[in-house]
C-alpha atoms as a PDB file:
ATOM      1  CA  UNK A   1       7.128 -13.425  -1.107  1.00  0.00           C
ATOM      2  CA  UNK A   2       4.036 -11.464  -0.837  1.00  0.00           C
ATOM      3  CA  UNK A   3       1.959 -14.387  -0.607  1.00  0.00           C
ATOM      4  CA  UNK A   4       2.566 -14.751   3.272  1.00  0.00           C
ATOM      5  CA  UNK A   5       2.069 -10.979   3.523  1.00  0.00           C
ATOM      6  CA  UNK A   6      -1.277 -11.653   1.811  1.00  0.00           C
ATOM      7  CA  UNK A   7      -2.316 -13.959   4.277  1.00  0.00           C
ATOM      8  CA  UNK A   8      -1.747 -11.464   7.122  1.00  0.00           C
ATOM      9  CA  UNK A   9      -4.382  -9.234   8.688  1.00  0.00           C
ATOM     10  CA  UNK A  10      -3.255  -5.965  10.131  1.00  0.00           C
ATOM     11  CA  UNK A  11      -2.874  -5.352  14.045  1.00  0.00           C
ATOM     12  CA  UNK A  12      -4.301  -2.755  16.160  1.00  0.00           C
ATOM     13  CA  UNK A  13      -0.908  -2.701  18.005  1.00  0.00           C
ATOM     14  CA  UNK A  14       2.186  -1.940  16.098  1.00  0.00           C
ATOM     15  CA  UNK A  15       5.794  -0.332  16.314  1.00  0.00           C
ATOM     16  CA  UNK A  16       7.596   1.942  14.400  1.00  0.00           C
ATOM     17  CA  UNK A  17       9.885   0.181  12.034  1.00  0.00           C
ATOM     18  CA  UNK A  18      13.570   1.173  11.937  1.00  0.00           C
ATOM     19  CA  UNK A  19      15.266   1.829   8.603  1.00  0.00           C
ATOM     20  CA  UNK A  20      16.994  -1.790   8.294  1.00  0.00           C
ATOM     21  CA  UNK A  21      13.716  -3.385   8.954  1.00  0.00           C
ATOM     22  CA  UNK A  22      11.766  -0.979   6.590  1.00  0.00           C
ATOM     23  CA  UNK A  23      14.197  -1.849   3.734  1.00  0.00           C
ATOM     24  CA  UNK A  24      13.730  -5.761   4.649  1.00  0.00           C
ATOM     25  CA  UNK A  25       9.795  -5.286   4.173  1.00  0.00           C
ATOM     26  CA  UNK A  26      10.319  -3.242   1.143  1.00  0.00           C
ATOM     27  CA  UNK A  27      12.150  -6.093  -0.230  1.00  0.00           C
ATOM     28  CA  UNK A  28       9.009  -8.678   0.144  1.00  0.00           C
ATOM     29  CA  UNK A  29       6.640  -6.499  -1.829  1.00  0.00           C
ATOM     30  CA  UNK A  30       6.408  -5.721  -5.463  1.00  0.00           C
ATOM     31  CA  UNK A  31       9.508  -3.697  -6.923  1.00  0.00           C
ATOM     32  CA  UNK A  32       7.095  -0.735  -7.896  1.00  0.00           C
ATOM     33  CA  UNK A  33       6.647   0.384  -4.148  1.00  0.00           C
ATOM     34  CA  UNK A  34       9.276   2.763  -2.805  1.00  0.00           C
ATOM     35  CA  UNK A  35      10.033   4.769   0.379  1.00  0.00           C
ATOM     36  CA  UNK A  36       8.795   8.420   0.451  1.00  0.00           C
ATOM     37  CA  UNK A  37      11.140  11.111   0.363  1.00  0.00           C
ATOM     38  CA  UNK A  38      10.970  11.248   4.005  1.00  0.00           C
ATOM     39  CA  UNK A  39      10.963   7.382   4.406  1.00  0.00           C
ATOM     40  CA  UNK A  40       7.963   7.654   6.731  1.00  0.00           C
ATOM     41  CA  UNK A  41       5.840   5.965   4.150  1.00  0.00           C
ATOM     42  CA  UNK A  42       5.587   3.692   1.016  1.00  0.00           C
ATOM     43  CA  UNK A  43       4.347   4.614  -2.264  1.00  0.00           C
ATOM     44  CA  UNK A  44       3.423   3.379  -5.518  1.00  0.00           C
ATOM     45  CA  UNK A  45       1.951   4.951  -8.733  1.00  0.00           C
ATOM     46  CA  UNK A  46      -0.797   3.013 -10.615  1.00  0.00           C
ATOM     47  CA  UNK A  47      -1.822   4.025 -14.210  1.00  0.00           C
ATOM     48  CA  UNK A  48      -5.080   2.657 -16.198  1.00  0.00           C
ATOM     49  CA  UNK A  49      -6.868   2.754 -19.522  1.00  0.00           C
ATOM     50  CA  UNK A  50      -9.144   5.112 -18.478  1.00  0.00           C
ATOM     51  CA  UNK A  51     -11.409   6.651 -15.508  1.00  0.00           C
ATOM     52  CA  UNK A  52     -13.676   3.698 -15.023  1.00  0.00           C
ATOM     53  CA  UNK A  53     -10.678   1.535 -14.564  1.00  0.00           C
ATOM     54  CA  UNK A  54      -9.178   4.086 -12.175  1.00  0.00           C
ATOM     55  CA  UNK A  55     -12.117   4.082 -10.116  1.00  0.00           C
ATOM     56  CA  UNK A  56     -12.854   0.597  -9.950  1.00  0.00           C
ATOM     57  CA  UNK A  57      -9.261  -0.082  -8.579  1.00  0.00           C
ATOM     58  CA  UNK A  58      -9.962   2.721  -6.095  1.00  0.00           C
ATOM     59  CA  UNK A  59     -13.045   1.069  -4.870  1.00  0.00           C
ATOM     60  CA  UNK A  60     -11.306  -2.223  -4.534  1.00  0.00           C
ATOM     61  CA  UNK A  61      -8.509  -0.627  -2.751  1.00  0.00           C
ATOM     62  CA  UNK A  62     -10.920   0.978  -0.442  1.00  0.00           C
ATOM     63  CA  UNK A  63     -12.595  -2.391   0.629  1.00  0.00           C
ATOM     64  CA  UNK A  64      -9.030  -3.800   1.438  1.00  0.00           C
ATOM     65  CA  UNK A  65      -8.254  -0.632   3.390  1.00  0.00           C
ATOM     66  CA  UNK A  66     -11.715  -0.952   5.377  1.00  0.00           C
ATOM     67  CA  UNK A  67     -11.327  -4.863   5.851  1.00  0.00           C
ATOM     68  CA  UNK A  68      -7.745  -4.096   7.095  1.00  0.00           C
ATOM     69  CA  UNK A  69      -8.824  -1.072   9.172  1.00  0.00           C
ATOM     70  CA  UNK A  70      -5.656   0.790   7.576  1.00  0.00           C
ATOM     71  CA  UNK A  71      -6.241   3.758   5.363  1.00  0.00           C
ATOM     72  CA  UNK A  72      -3.601   4.889   2.683  1.00  0.00           C
ATOM     73  CA  UNK A  73      -3.443   8.513   1.305  1.00  0.00           C
ATOM     74  CA  UNK A  74      -4.565   8.331  -2.305  1.00  0.00           C
ATOM     75  CA  UNK A  75      -3.972  11.000  -5.134  1.00  0.00           C
ATOM     76  CA  UNK A  76      -6.645  10.155  -7.987  1.00  0.00           C
ATOM     77  CA  UNK A  77      -6.699  11.568 -11.524  1.00  0.00           C
ATOM     78  CA  UNK A  78      -8.356  10.349 -14.792  1.00  0.00           C
ATOM     79  CA  UNK A  79      -6.099   7.280 -15.427  1.00  0.00           C
ATOM     80  CA  UNK A  80      -3.633   7.264 -12.585  1.00  0.00           C
ATOM     81  CA  UNK A  81      -3.868   6.821  -8.748  1.00  0.00           C
ATOM     82  CA  UNK A  82      -0.858   7.318  -6.316  1.00  0.00           C
ATOM     83  CA  UNK A  83      -1.069   5.224  -2.971  1.00  0.00           C
ATOM     84  CA  UNK A  84       0.786   5.865   0.044  1.00  0.00           C
ATOM     85  CA  UNK A  85       0.747   3.849   3.128  1.00  0.00           C
ATOM     86  CA  UNK A  86       2.032   5.286   6.416  1.00  0.00           C
ATOM     87  CA  UNK A  87       1.045   4.284  10.170  1.00  0.00           C
ATOM     88  CA  UNK A  88       0.111   7.471  11.352  1.00  0.00           C
ATOM     89  CA  UNK A  89      -0.017   6.607  14.912  1.00  0.00           C
ATOM     90  CA  UNK A  90       3.659   5.525  15.206  1.00  0.00           C
ATOM     91  CA  UNK A  91       4.688   8.498  12.806  1.00  0.00           C
ATOM     92  CA  UNK A  92       6.108   6.168  10.046  1.00  0.00           C
ATOM     93  CA  UNK A  93       6.293   2.557   8.862  1.00  0.00           C
ATOM     94  CA  UNK A  94       4.689  -0.393  10.596  1.00  0.00           C
ATOM     95  CA  UNK A  95       4.407  -4.059   9.298  1.00  0.00           C
ATOM     96  CA  UNK A  96       0.757  -3.046   8.597  1.00  0.00           C
ATOM     97  CA  UNK A  97       1.810  -0.767   5.713  1.00  0.00           C
ATOM     98  CA  UNK A  98       3.537  -3.573   3.919  1.00  0.00           C
ATOM     99  CA  UNK A  99       0.357  -6.014   4.609  1.00  0.00           C
ATOM    100  CA  UNK A 100      -1.648  -3.701   2.917  1.00  0.00           C
ATOM    101  CA  UNK A 101       0.496  -2.879   0.002  1.00  0.00           C
ATOM    102  CA  UNK A 102       0.784  -6.650  -0.542  1.00  0.00           C
ATOM    103  CA  UNK A 103      -3.127  -6.877  -0.802  1.00  0.00           C
ATOM    104  CA  UNK A 104      -3.157  -4.061  -3.015  1.00  0.00           C
ATOM    105  CA  UNK A 105      -0.694  -5.877  -5.184  1.00  0.00           C
ATOM    106  CA  UNK A 106      -3.072  -8.862  -5.440  1.00  0.00           C
ATOM    107  CA  UNK A 107      -5.780  -6.638  -7.510  1.00  0.00           C
ATOM    108  CA  UNK A 108      -6.032  -7.290 -10.877  1.00  0.00           C
ATOM    109  CA  UNK A 109      -6.069  -3.715 -11.427  1.00  0.00           C
ATOM    110  CA  UNK A 110      -6.392  -3.438 -15.367  1.00  0.00           C
ATOM    111  CA  UNK A 111      -3.078  -1.144 -15.497  1.00  0.00           C
ATOM    112  CA  UNK A 112      -1.675  -0.005 -18.635  1.00  0.00           C
END
């Protein structure tokens, strides 16, 4: 299912997704993603063997974000990274968030 999302590119003009549509898109990406508490973003926690693997993931994610021109909020620690996508310009979730999540899922992240 995520293959079709991985083939897509983020769009400049997007709109806010309603709750039902956001749930639909959530079902099309890896099950480890979840809605944030306020349902205005999607979040996934990644765990790694060590700092090097964490930073390699962060750098690969940064490249994806740059290519898509859609940037997540990150929390980075020694062996973990929390990624949250939200479209600030619409005040919540857009299709771009799910497209980027699918691209991030395609990384061979070396997770534990």
